[in-house]
Amino acid sequence: MKAALNSLLAFVMTLGLQAFAEPEIFEIDPTHTFPGFEADHMGGLSKWRGKINSSSGKVIVDFEAKEGSIEVMMDMTSIDFGLDEMNEHAMSDDMFDVEKFPTAIYAGQLIFDGEDPASVQGNLTLHGISQPVDLDIKSFKCMFHPMKLAKVCGAEAEGSIQRDDFGIDYAKSFGFDMDVGLRIGIEAIKVD
């Protein structure tokens, strides 16, 4: 009888804990989140590297259910190659056409492997075109941030796209490789 009562009590406590386990919502910290990329120059002569200086969005994670989602909005008018002339050209209608397409959006589902997310299956909307883009999460960590006085999660993710799939085929006829490597570092702060 006592064993049955203990089992019932354990079951009720488990249900109670599950009822209180809710997804956690994190707001992307724009001062620590910079989607980066590297693209071919002249068919392998060198690489252009750049980043997006302004981004926002949110991450939702249910650590108990091992699921979650991410949405990152990138201000394409903040594209930065480290060279003003290249920035201006990238924003022109030759490439990203930021006047017509000022925002790029990445949205996807977190895929867990064990306790932490290991990848993201998602879609990138860039230059007015949406395509599937999956990212591998190379590192993931959550902690109490002593300066922000809140739980913060950070991740490093990598993937790649073919830029001509998004209608950005500038210099393809000159032999430029259309493959673009994505290197995305992100930090997000838990919101109540």
Protein backbone atom coordinates (compact mmCIF):
# COMPACT_ATOMS: atom_id res chain seq x y z
CA MET A 1 0.00 0.00 0.00
CA LYS A 2 2.81 2.39 0.94
CA ALA A 3 4.68 1.64 -2.32
CA ALA A 4 1.53 2.32 -4.35
CA LEU A 5 0.98 5.61 -2.49
CA ASN A 6 4.60 6.66 -3.12
CA SER A 7 4.25 5.82 -6.84
CA LEU A 8 1.03 7.83 -7.06
CA LEU A 9 2.67 10.77 -5.28
CA ALA A 10 5.67 10.66 -7.63
CA PHE A 11 3.34 10.58 -10.65
CA VAL A 12 1.32 13.56 -9.38
CA MET A 13 4.54 15.53 -8.71
CA THR A 14 5.80 14.76 -12.22
CA LEU A 15 2.53 16.03 -13.71
CA GLY A 16 2.79 19.14 -11.57
CA LEU A 17 6.34 19.85 -12.76
CA GLN A 18 5.31 19.33 -16.39
CA ALA A 19 2.42 21.73 -15.95
CA PHE A 20 4.80 24.44 -14.73
CA ALA A 21 7.48 23.84 -17.37
CA GLU A 22 6.86 26.49 -20.01
CA PRO A 23 8.82 27.63 -23.03
CA GLU A 24 11.28 30.40 -22.27
CA ILE A 25 11.29 33.50 -24.48
CA PHE A 26 14.54 35.29 -25.26
CA GLU A 27 14.94 38.61 -27.06
CA ILE A 28 17.94 38.90 -29.35
CA ASP A 29 20.56 41.31 -28.03
CA PRO A 30 21.43 43.55 -31.01
CA THR A 31 24.71 44.60 -29.39
CA HIS A 32 25.94 40.98 -29.38
CA THR A 33 24.30 39.51 -32.48
CA PHE A 34 25.94 40.01 -35.86
CA PRO A 35 25.07 37.67 -38.73
CA GLY A 36 28.25 37.35 -40.78
CA PHE A 37 29.10 36.00 -44.20
CA GLU A 38 31.94 35.37 -46.60
CA ALA A 39 31.66 35.41 -50.37
CA ASP A 40 33.97 34.67 -53.26
CA HIS A 41 35.81 37.41 -55.13
CA MET A 42 36.98 36.74 -58.68
CA GLY A 43 36.56 32.96 -58.72
CA GLY A 44 38.80 32.16 -55.77
CA LEU A 45 41.18 35.12 -55.85
CA SER A 46 40.10 36.18 -52.37
CA LYS A 47 37.11 36.32 -50.02
CA TRP A 48 34.91 39.26 -49.11
CA ARG A 49 33.77 39.11 -45.50
CA GLY A 50 31.05 41.19 -43.96
CA LYS A 51 28.31 41.38 -41.38
CA ILE A 52 24.93 42.84 -40.68
CA ASN A 53 25.27 45.52 -38.01
CA SER A 54 21.61 45.73 -36.98
CA SER A 55 19.38 42.78 -36.18
CA SER A 56 16.51 41.89 -33.88
CA GLY A 57 14.24 38.96 -33.12
CA LYS A 58 13.44 36.28 -30.60
CA VAL A 59 14.23 32.75 -29.59
CA ILE A 60 11.72 30.47 -27.87
CA VAL A 61 13.06 27.37 -26.15
CA ASP A 62 11.28 24.61 -24.26
CA PHE A 63 14.16 22.76 -22.62
CA GLU A 64 11.84 20.08 -21.19
CA ALA A 65 10.16 19.25 -24.51
CA LYS A 66 13.46 19.69 -26.41
CA GLU A 67 12.02 22.06 -28.99
CA GLY A 68 12.10 25.70 -29.91
CA SER A 69 12.16 28.32 -32.62
CA ILE A 70 14.16 31.32 -33.75
CA GLU A 71 13.37 34.39 -35.81
CA VAL A 72 16.03 36.93 -36.75
CA MET A 73 15.25 40.12 -38.68
CA MET A 74 18.28 41.70 -40.35
CA ASP A 75 18.41 45.32 -41.46
CA MET A 76 20.10 45.04 -44.85
CA THR A 77 20.80 48.78 -44.88
CA SER A 78 23.38 48.02 -42.15
CA ILE A 79 25.43 45.63 -44.31
CA ASP A 80 29.12 46.21 -43.62
CA PHE A 81 32.07 44.89 -45.62
CA GLY A 82 34.50 47.24 -43.89
CA LEU A 83 34.75 49.36 -47.06
CA ASP A 84 32.27 52.18 -47.76
CA GLU A 85 32.40 51.76 -51.56
CA MET A 86 31.58 48.06 -51.27
CA ASN A 87 28.78 48.75 -48.79
CA GLU A 88 27.19 51.22 -51.21
CA HIS A 89 27.50 48.80 -54.13
CA ALA A 90 26.07 45.89 -52.08
CA MET A 91 23.04 48.02 -51.16
CA SER A 92 22.40 48.98 -54.80
CA ASP A 93 20.02 47.20 -57.16
CA ASP A 94 23.06 45.34 -58.57
CA MET A 95 23.03 43.20 -55.44
CA PHE A 96 20.77 43.41 -52.35
CA ASP A 97 18.57 46.30 -53.59
CA VAL A 98 17.92 47.48 -50.04
CA GLU A 99 15.57 50.24 -51.15
CA LYS A 100 13.16 47.55 -52.34
CA PHE A 101 14.16 44.80 -49.87
CA PRO A 102 15.36 46.48 -46.65
CA THR A 103 14.93 43.44 -44.41
CA ALA A 104 16.08 39.82 -44.51
CA ILE A 105 14.45 37.29 -42.18
CA TYR A 106 15.66 33.92 -40.96
CA ALA A 107 13.10 31.75 -39.15
CA GLY A 108 13.41 28.13 -38.13
CA GLN A 109 12.90 25.30 -35.67
CA LEU A 110 15.57 24.23 -33.20
CA ILE A 111 16.58 20.57 -33.48
CA PHE A 112 17.91 19.10 -30.23
CA ASP A 113 20.58 16.45 -29.80
CA GLY A 114 20.61 15.60 -26.12
CA GLU A 115 20.17 18.56 -23.79
CA ASP A 116 20.98 21.36 -26.24
CA PRO A 117 19.92 22.41 -29.74
CA ALA A 118 22.36 21.13 -32.37
CA SER A 119 20.91 22.59 -35.55
CA VAL A 120 18.18 24.77 -37.02
CA GLN A 121 15.89 23.82 -39.88
CA GLY A 122 14.60 27.04 -41.34
CA ASN A 123 13.99 29.43 -44.18
CA LEU A 124 15.84 32.56 -45.20
CA THR A 125 13.94 35.36 -46.91
CA LEU A 126 16.46 37.54 -48.73
CA HIS A 127 15.99 39.89 -51.69
CA GLY A 128 12.28 39.02 -51.64
CA ILE A 129 12.89 35.27 -52.09
CA SER A 130 12.45 32.54 -49.47
CA GLN A 131 14.57 29.39 -49.56
CA PRO A 132 15.25 26.58 -47.06
CA VAL A 133 18.49 27.15 -45.15
CA ASP A 134 19.66 24.85 -42.37
CA LEU A 135 22.28 25.85 -39.82
CA ASP A 136 24.61 23.71 -37.70
CA ILE A 137 24.95 24.98 -34.14
CA LYS A 138 28.65 24.74 -33.28
CA SER A 139 28.30 25.95 -29.68
CA PHE A 140 25.39 26.70 -27.34
CA LYS A 141 25.41 27.97 -23.77
CA CYS A 142 22.93 29.46 -21.32
CA MET A 143 23.92 31.19 -18.09
CA PHE A 144 22.92 33.85 -15.60
CA HIS A 145 24.55 37.04 -16.90
CA PRO A 146 26.06 38.97 -13.96
CA MET A 147 25.79 42.37 -15.69
CA LYS A 148 22.36 41.99 -17.28
CA LEU A 149 20.97 40.20 -14.20
CA ALA A 150 19.04 37.80 -16.41
CA LYS A 151 19.38 34.42 -18.07
CA VAL A 152 21.20 34.71 -21.39
CA CYS A 153 21.73 32.11 -24.11
CA GLY A 154 24.35 32.31 -26.81
CA ALA A 155 25.14 30.25 -29.88
CA GLU A 156 27.45 30.06 -32.87
CA ALA A 157 25.84 28.67 -36.02
CA GLU A 158 27.10 28.00 -39.54
CA GLY A 159 25.57 27.27 -42.91
CA SER A 160 25.74 28.30 -46.54
CA ILE A 161 23.59 29.54 -49.39
CA GLN A 162 23.87 29.93 -53.14
CA ARG A 163 23.27 33.65 -53.59
CA ASP A 164 21.89 33.27 -57.10
CA ASP A 165 19.07 31.17 -55.56
CA PHE A 166 17.98 34.50 -54.07
CA GLY A 167 18.29 36.44 -57.32
CA ILE A 168 21.66 37.95 -56.36
CA ASP A 169 23.88 36.86 -59.25
CA TYR A 170 26.14 39.90 -59.63
CA ALA A 171 29.45 38.93 -61.36
CA LYS A 172 28.39 35.31 -61.94
CA SER A 173 29.35 35.79 -65.60
CA PHE A 174 32.87 36.76 -64.44
CA GLY A 175 33.28 33.38 -62.73
CA PHE A 176 32.43 34.42 -59.17
CA ASP A 177 31.39 31.41 -57.05
CA MET A 178 27.80 31.87 -55.88
CA ASP A 179 28.39 29.99 -52.59
CA VAL A 180 28.20 32.23 -49.51
CA GLY A 181 29.26 30.97 -46.09
CA LEU A 182 27.15 32.08 -43.14
CA ARG A 183 28.68 32.52 -39.68
CA ILE A 184 26.13 33.68 -37.15
CA GLY A 185 26.91 34.57 -33.56
CA ILE A 186 23.90 35.31 -31.39
CA GLU A 187 23.12 36.26 -27.79
CA ALA A 188 19.58 36.51 -26.47
CA ILE A 189 18.24 37.71 -23.11
CA LYS A 190 15.32 36.02 -21.34
CA VAL A 191 12.22 38.18 -21.04
CA ASP A 192 9.52 37.75 -18.39
